[in-house]
Amino acid sequence: MKNNAILSTDFQIPGLKKIFTGKVRDVYEYTHKNKVYLIVVVTDRISAFDVVLPVGIPYKGAVLNEIASKFLDMADEEGIETWKIDKIHPMVTVGLKAEPIMVEMIARELLTGSLWRLYKEGVREICGITLPDGMQEWDVFADGPIITPTTKAENGHDENISPEEIVRKGLTDKSTYDLMDVQTDSLFCMGAEFAEKMGLILVDTKYEFGLIDGKLILIDEIHTPDSSRYLYMEGFEESLKEGKVPKSLDKEFLRQWLISQGFKGEDGQEVPEMSAEFIQQVSDRYLELYANIMGEKLEQTEYSLEEIETSIMDFIQGLKDMEEPEKMPEMSEE
């Protein structure tokens, strides 16, 4: 199988500056009329345990960008301001640049994932929240979703942090954090209700925020399989009764495969080789999630760097064209 995944970009467009290469996204900046625009290209890179894996997953970038675009629009409809202006290509979204708050807001409905691993080790206090003894994996939190913030590490692993520590360390002020907390709860409820309509359970997810002129703005992407854990509602209870892992639509299965191969992202560990067949399985999982969330199949188009570059140039030209004065109609000579 030929892997046509897009792993990196390096566009040389006048006025465009590449400012960040993330685990998945390449972020460019363009300034026009005192406004700073972010042009975010969602590549087909994939990460696990905060490590970027050496292979790309076909169609993954388009899946993430299309889903995130949909939910950012829904957040706007809920009255939560977002950074997004437009989706200019299936793999590219543009918006206004915000000053990021270096905190990730993790919302959780069920006990699983990294929190379950900590719980098994005996941890009962997390981010200022006390968890009761006797919980099992996949248990629903009794008082509704919990929010467990983490620091937003530029390199390495994020770390759990309490709201009090966030304010004490100056990552943001209390009133801003309180608003982040309220909006995180609203966003999670929105995502969970939508997922339920589609026969899915939104288990946990993360949100990021920033400031534009002192106003809180939702940034980055939301409710994609890279930032969220989804389960099928059908068969969930039966799986628990049989002691099986419920069927999921996220990349936790990739993490579990890596763990089974002896890789947890720890120092000195080498990423195990991923066969073409396994890469196809990962790609199929992303396409499956897209179909379940969006209610339709993704058009499996193999996008090129040239096509993406053209979409960016067209956006920039559109900004310039908006500033052009309208031509006066020519007067006929009589």
Protein backbone atom coordinates (compact mmCIF):
# COMPACT_ATOMS: atom_id res chain seq x y z
CA MET A 1 0.00 0.00 0.00
CA LYS A 2 1.40 3.38 -0.99
CA ASN A 3 1.23 5.89 1.86
CA ASN A 4 0.44 9.34 0.46
CA ALA A 5 0.05 10.97 3.87
CA ILE A 6 1.21 14.58 4.22
CA LEU A 7 3.77 14.67 7.03
CA SER A 8 5.14 18.21 6.77
CA THR A 9 4.73 21.55 5.01
CA ASP A 10 7.08 24.44 4.29
CA PHE A 11 5.23 27.01 2.21
CA GLN A 12 7.26 29.95 0.90
CA ILE A 13 4.56 32.57 0.33
CA PRO A 14 5.42 36.28 0.65
CA GLY A 15 4.31 37.58 4.05
CA LEU A 16 3.58 34.10 5.39
CA LYS A 17 5.68 32.96 8.34
CA LYS A 18 5.77 29.48 9.84
CA ILE A 19 5.66 29.97 13.61
CA PHE A 20 5.02 26.52 15.02
CA THR A 21 5.31 22.85 14.19
CA GLY A 22 3.19 20.83 16.58
CA LYS A 23 2.58 17.16 17.03
CA VAL A 24 0.00 17.28 14.24
CA ARG A 25 -0.40 20.88 13.04
CA ASP A 26 1.82 23.25 11.10
CA VAL A 27 0.90 26.81 12.06
CA TYR A 28 1.57 29.84 9.88
CA GLU A 29 1.06 33.52 10.60
CA TYR A 30 0.02 36.28 8.23
CA THR A 31 -0.43 39.94 9.20
CA HIS A 32 -2.76 42.21 7.25
CA LYS A 33 -4.14 45.62 8.24
CA ASN A 34 -2.98 45.20 11.85
CA LYS A 35 -4.75 41.86 12.17
CA VAL A 36 -2.74 38.70 12.78
CA TYR A 37 -4.19 35.62 11.11
CA LEU A 38 -3.29 32.03 11.91
CA ILE A 39 -3.33 29.55 9.06
CA VAL A 40 -3.37 26.05 10.52
CA VAL A 41 -2.56 23.06 8.33
CA VAL A 42 -3.66 19.77 9.90
CA THR A 43 -1.17 17.21 8.64
CA ASP A 44 -1.46 13.44 8.66
CA ARG A 45 1.08 13.11 11.47
CA ILE A 46 0.01 11.11 14.52
CA SER A 47 1.27 11.19 18.10
CA ALA A 48 0.89 9.02 21.17
CA PHE A 49 2.29 9.50 24.67
CA ASP A 50 3.37 12.99 23.50
CA VAL A 51 5.64 11.39 20.87
CA VAL A 52 5.20 12.05 17.15
CA LEU A 53 5.29 8.69 15.39
CA PRO A 54 7.46 8.36 12.27
CA VAL A 55 4.61 7.37 9.94
CA GLY A 56 1.61 9.30 8.65
CA ILE A 57 -2.02 8.17 8.60
CA PRO A 58 -3.80 8.76 5.27
CA TYR A 59 -6.86 11.08 5.48
CA LYS A 60 -6.27 11.77 9.19
CA GLY A 61 -5.64 15.50 8.67
CA ALA A 62 -8.87 16.02 6.74
CA VAL A 63 -10.84 13.99 9.31
CA LEU A 64 -9.55 16.10 12.20
CA ASN A 65 -9.97 19.43 10.43
CA GLU A 66 -13.50 18.75 9.16
CA ILE A 67 -14.75 17.52 12.56
CA ALA A 68 -13.10 20.38 14.45
CA SER A 69 -14.55 22.92 12.02
CA LYS A 70 -18.06 21.55 12.59
CA PHE A 71 -17.81 21.73 16.38
CA LEU A 72 -16.18 25.17 16.39
CA ASP A 73 -19.19 26.40 14.43
CA MET A 74 -21.47 24.74 16.98
CA ALA A 75 -19.59 26.44 19.82
CA ASP A 76 -20.15 29.80 18.13
CA GLU A 77 -23.84 29.00 17.95
CA GLU A 78 -23.74 28.33 21.71
CA GLY A 79 -22.36 31.83 22.28
CA ILE A 80 -18.76 30.73 22.93
CA GLU A 81 -16.37 32.82 20.86
CA THR A 82 -13.76 30.88 18.89
CA TRP A 83 -10.64 31.72 16.94
CA LYS A 84 -12.01 30.32 13.66
CA ILE A 85 -12.80 32.51 10.66
CA ASP A 86 -13.10 29.95 7.89
CA LYS A 87 -12.15 26.48 6.70
CA ILE A 88 -10.37 27.18 3.40
CA HIS A 89 -9.42 23.58 2.56
CA PRO A 90 -10.33 20.17 4.03
CA MET A 91 -6.93 20.23 5.80
CA VAL A 92 -6.68 23.98 6.54
CA THR A 93 -8.50 26.35 8.90
CA VAL A 94 -7.78 30.08 9.31
CA GLY A 95 -8.61 32.36 12.21
CA LEU A 96 -7.39 35.16 14.42
CA LYS A 97 -4.31 34.74 16.58
CA ALA A 98 -4.88 34.70 20.34
CA GLU A 99 -2.48 34.78 23.24
CA PRO A 100 -2.70 31.19 24.50
CA ILE A 101 -3.39 30.37 28.14
CA MET A 102 -0.93 27.62 28.98
CA VAL A 103 -3.53 25.29 30.45
CA GLU A 104 -5.48 22.42 28.88
CA MET A 105 -8.96 21.84 30.27
CA ILE A 106 -9.61 18.09 30.40
CA ALA A 107 -13.27 17.14 30.86
CA ARG A 108 -14.07 13.54 31.84
CA GLU A 109 -17.36 11.64 32.07
CA LEU A 110 -15.96 8.18 32.82
CA LEU A 111 -12.93 6.86 34.69
CA THR A 112 -10.49 5.54 32.08
CA GLY A 113 -7.29 6.34 30.23
CA SER A 114 -4.46 8.11 32.07
CA LEU A 115 -6.69 8.85 35.07
CA TRP A 116 -7.56 5.17 35.46
CA ARG A 117 -3.87 4.29 35.30
CA LEU A 118 -3.22 6.74 38.16
CA TYR A 119 -6.24 5.47 40.10
CA LYS A 120 -4.97 1.88 39.88
CA GLU A 121 -1.70 3.08 41.40
CA GLY A 122 -3.61 4.41 44.40
CA VAL A 123 -3.98 8.08 43.46
CA ARG A 124 -7.23 9.51 44.87
CA GLU A 125 -6.58 13.25 44.64
CA ILE A 126 -6.37 14.72 41.14
CA CYS A 127 -6.35 18.43 40.28
CA GLY A 128 -7.98 19.28 43.59
CA ILE A 129 -10.72 16.63 43.13
CA THR A 130 -11.01 13.70 45.56
CA LEU A 131 -12.08 10.44 43.97
CA PRO A 132 -13.86 7.80 46.09
CA ASP A 133 -12.43 4.35 46.72
CA GLY A 134 -13.94 1.35 44.99
CA MET A 135 -14.32 2.76 41.48
CA GLN A 136 -13.77 0.52 38.46
CA GLU A 137 -12.64 1.41 34.97
CA TRP A 138 -15.47 2.89 32.87
CA ASP A 139 -17.44 3.99 35.94
CA VAL A 140 -19.35 7.24 35.47
CA PHE A 141 -18.43 10.01 37.91
CA ALA A 142 -21.33 10.28 40.37
CA ASP A 143 -21.60 14.06 40.36
CA GLY A 144 -21.30 14.49 36.60
CA PRO A 145 -18.27 15.27 34.43
CA ILE A 146 -15.12 16.36 36.23
CA ILE A 147 -12.55 18.86 34.93
CA THR A 148 -8.88 17.98 35.45
CA PRO A 149 -6.65 20.73 34.03
CA THR A 150 -3.08 20.11 32.92
CA THR A 151 -0.18 22.36 32.15
CA LYS A 152 0.32 22.88 28.42
CA ALA A 153 3.86 21.70 27.85
CA GLU A 154 5.61 22.84 24.68
CA ASN A 155 7.89 19.81 24.96
CA GLY A 156 7.49 16.60 26.93
CA HIS A 157 4.53 15.54 29.04
CA ASP A 158 1.69 17.73 30.32
CA GLU A 159 1.24 17.68 34.10
CA ASN A 160 -1.94 17.68 36.19
CA ILE A 161 -2.58 20.91 38.05
CA SER A 162 -5.32 22.22 40.34
CA PRO A 163 -7.30 25.44 39.69
CA GLU A 164 -5.66 27.00 42.76
CA GLU A 165 -2.18 26.22 41.44
CA ILE A 166 -3.11 27.67 38.04
CA VAL A 167 -3.96 31.00 39.64
CA ARG A 168 -1.06 30.91 42.10
CA LYS A 169 1.46 30.27 39.31
CA GLY A 170 0.02 33.13 37.27
CA LEU A 171 -1.05 30.98 34.32
CA THR A 172 -4.29 33.00 34.37
CA ASP A 173 -6.38 34.95 36.88
CA LYS A 174 -9.25 33.49 38.87
CA SER A 175 -12.08 35.19 36.97
CA THR A 176 -10.67 34.00 33.63
CA TYR A 177 -10.21 30.47 34.95
CA ASP A 178 -13.75 30.45 36.29
CA LEU A 179 -15.05 31.38 32.84
CA MET A 180 -12.88 28.67 31.27
CA ASP A 181 -14.40 26.21 33.72
CA VAL A 182 -17.97 27.25 32.83
CA GLN A 183 -17.30 27.15 29.09
CA THR A 184 -15.56 23.78 29.37
CA ASP A 185 -18.64 22.36 31.06
CA SER A 186 -20.92 23.85 28.37
CA LEU A 187 -18.75 22.57 25.54
CA PHE A 188 -18.59 19.07 26.99
CA CYS A 189 -22.36 18.95 27.43
CA MET A 190 -22.77 20.12 23.84
CA GLY A 191 -20.39 17.46 22.54
CA ALA A 192 -21.85 14.69 24.70
CA GLU A 193 -25.42 15.45 23.62
CA PHE A 194 -24.42 15.49 19.96
CA ALA A 195 -22.48 12.24 20.35
CA GLU A 196 -25.45 10.57 22.03
CA LYS A 197 -27.66 11.45 19.05
CA MET A 198 -25.11 9.69 16.86
CA GLY A 199 -25.03 6.59 19.07
CA LEU A 200 -21.73 7.45 20.72
CA ILE A 201 -20.48 8.24 24.22
CA LEU A 202 -18.08 11.17 24.61
CA VAL A 203 -15.86 9.80 27.37
CA ASP A 204 -13.36 12.62 27.78
CA THR A 205 -11.86 15.50 25.81
CA LYS A 206 -9.71 18.62 26.13
CA TYR A 207 -10.17 22.31 25.37
CA GLU A 208 -7.70 25.16 25.01
CA PHE A 209 -8.31 28.87 25.44
CA GLY A 210 -6.58 32.14 24.67
CA LEU A 211 -7.12 35.88 24.86
CA ILE A 212 -7.72 38.44 22.12
CA ASP A 213 -7.79 42.01 23.42
CA GLY A 214 -8.50 40.60 26.89
CA LYS A 215 -11.48 38.54 25.72
CA LEU A 216 -11.57 34.77 26.29
CA ILE A 217 -11.48 32.80 23.03
CA LEU A 218 -11.73 29.05 22.40
CA ILE A 219 -8.68 28.05 20.35
CA ASP A 220 -7.21 24.98 18.66
CA GLU A 221 -9.50 22.09 17.71
CA ILE A 222 -12.29 20.36 19.64
CA HIS A 223 -14.04 16.99 19.74
CA THR A 224 -11.75 15.21 17.29
CA PRO A 225 -10.43 11.68 17.87
CA ASP A 226 -7.03 13.20 18.69
CA SER A 227 -8.39 15.20 21.62
CA SER A 228 -11.41 13.09 22.58
CA ARG A 229 -12.31 9.54 23.47
CA TYR A 230 -15.53 8.11 21.99
CA LEU A 231 -17.27 4.80 22.66
CA TYR A 232 -20.16 3.11 20.90
CA MET A 233 -23.31 3.15 23.03
CA GLU A 234 -24.39 -0.14 21.49
CA GLY A 235 -22.72 -3.02 23.26
CA PHE A 236 -21.15 -0.83 25.98
CA GLU A 237 -22.93 -2.42 28.95
CA GLU A 238 -22.54 -5.91 27.54
CA SER A 239 -18.78 -5.41 27.16
CA LEU A 240 -18.46 -4.35 30.79
CA LYS A 241 -20.44 -7.37 32.01
CA GLU A 242 -18.17 -9.66 29.99
CA GLY A 243 -15.02 -7.93 31.24
CA LYS A 244 -14.12 -6.69 27.77
CA VAL A 245 -12.87 -3.29 26.69
CA PRO A 246 -15.77 -1.37 25.08
CA LYS A 247 -15.38 -0.63 21.40
CA SER A 248 -13.93 2.83 20.95
CA LEU A 249 -13.56 5.34 18.14
CA ASP A 250 -10.40 7.19 19.08
CA LYS A 251 -6.70 6.52 19.21
CA GLU A 252 -6.69 4.76 22.59
CA PHE A 253 -6.45 1.48 20.67
CA LEU A 254 -3.20 2.83 19.17
CA ARG A 255 -1.87 3.63 22.64
CA GLN A 256 -2.81 0.13 23.81
CA TRP A 257 -1.07 -1.41 20.78
CA LEU A 258 2.06 0.59 21.51
CA ILE A 259 1.93 -0.49 25.18
CA SER A 260 1.61 -4.13 24.05
CA GLN A 261 4.77 -3.57 21.98
CA GLY A 262 6.60 -2.27 25.03
CA PHE A 263 6.39 1.46 24.18
CA LYS A 264 5.03 4.12 26.54
CA GLY A 265 6.95 7.15 25.31
CA GLU A 266 9.57 6.79 28.04
CA ASP A 267 13.20 7.83 27.61
CA GLY A 268 15.26 5.32 25.70
CA GLN A 269 12.28 3.50 24.18
CA GLU A 270 12.10 3.09 20.42
CA VAL A 271 8.81 3.40 18.54
CA PRO A 272 7.85 -0.08 17.25
CA GLU A 273 7.56 -0.50 13.50
CA MET A 274 4.02 -0.08 12.17
CA SER A 275 3.20 -2.29 9.21
CA ALA A 276 1.28 -1.03 6.18
CA GLU A 277 -1.66 -3.16 7.27
CA PHE A 278 -1.71 -1.63 10.74
CA ILE A 279 -1.43 1.90 9.31
CA GLN A 280 -4.47 1.10 7.16
CA GLN A 281 -6.34 -0.06 10.27
CA VAL A 282 -5.57 3.25 12.00
CA SER A 283 -6.72 5.19 8.93
CA ASP A 284 -9.92 3.15 8.79
CA ARG A 285 -10.61 4.00 12.44
CA TYR A 286 -10.39 7.72 11.69
CA LEU A 287 -12.65 7.36 8.65
CA GLU A 288 -15.12 5.35 10.75
CA LEU A 289 -15.25 8.05 13.40
CA TYR A 290 -15.77 10.71 10.76
CA ALA A 291 -18.73 8.82 9.33
CA ASN A 292 -20.27 8.35 12.78
CA ILE A 293 -19.83 11.97 13.84
CA MET A 294 -20.64 13.68 10.55
CA GLY A 295 -23.32 11.27 9.38
CA GLU A 296 -21.62 10.77 6.03
CA LYS A 297 -18.44 9.26 4.62
CA LEU A 298 -15.37 11.40 4.00
CA GLU A 299 -14.52 11.89 0.35
CA GLN A 300 -11.17 10.10 0.21
CA THR A 301 -9.25 12.58 -1.89
CA GLU A 302 -5.46 12.51 -1.90
CA TYR A 303 -4.59 16.16 -1.36
CA SER A 304 -1.30 17.59 -2.54
CA LEU A 305 0.96 20.23 -1.02
CA GLU A 306 0.46 22.32 -4.16
CA GLU A 307 -3.31 22.30 -3.69
CA ILE A 308 -3.02 23.33 -0.05
CA GLU A 309 -0.58 26.10 -0.95
CA THR A 310 -3.01 27.42 -3.56
CA SER A 311 -5.84 27.57 -1.02
CA ILE A 312 -3.63 29.65 1.30
CA MET A 313 -2.61 32.02 -1.49
CA ASP A 314 -6.26 32.44 -2.48
CA PHE A 315 -7.16 33.34 1.12
CA ILE A 316 -4.39 35.93 1.31
CA GLN A 317 -5.42 37.40 -2.03
CA GLY A 318 -8.99 37.57 -0.76
CA LEU A 319 -7.84 39.69 2.18
CA LYS A 320 -6.11 42.07 -0.20
CA ASP A 321 -9.08 42.21 -2.56
CA MET A 322 -11.38 43.28 0.29
CA GLU A 323 -9.28 46.42 0.67
CA GLU A 324 -9.43 47.34 -3.02
CA PRO A 325 -11.70 50.33 -3.71
CA GLU A 326 -14.59 49.67 -6.05
CA LYS A 327 -14.04 50.95 -9.55
CA MET A 328 -16.24 53.81 -10.66
CA PRO A 329 -18.40 52.94 -13.64
CA GLU A 330 -17.10 54.36 -16.87
CA MET A 331 -19.07 57.37 -18.13
CA SER A 332 -20.16 57.26 -21.72
CA GLU A 333 -19.25 60.24 -23.84
CA GLU A 334 -22.18 62.03 -25.40
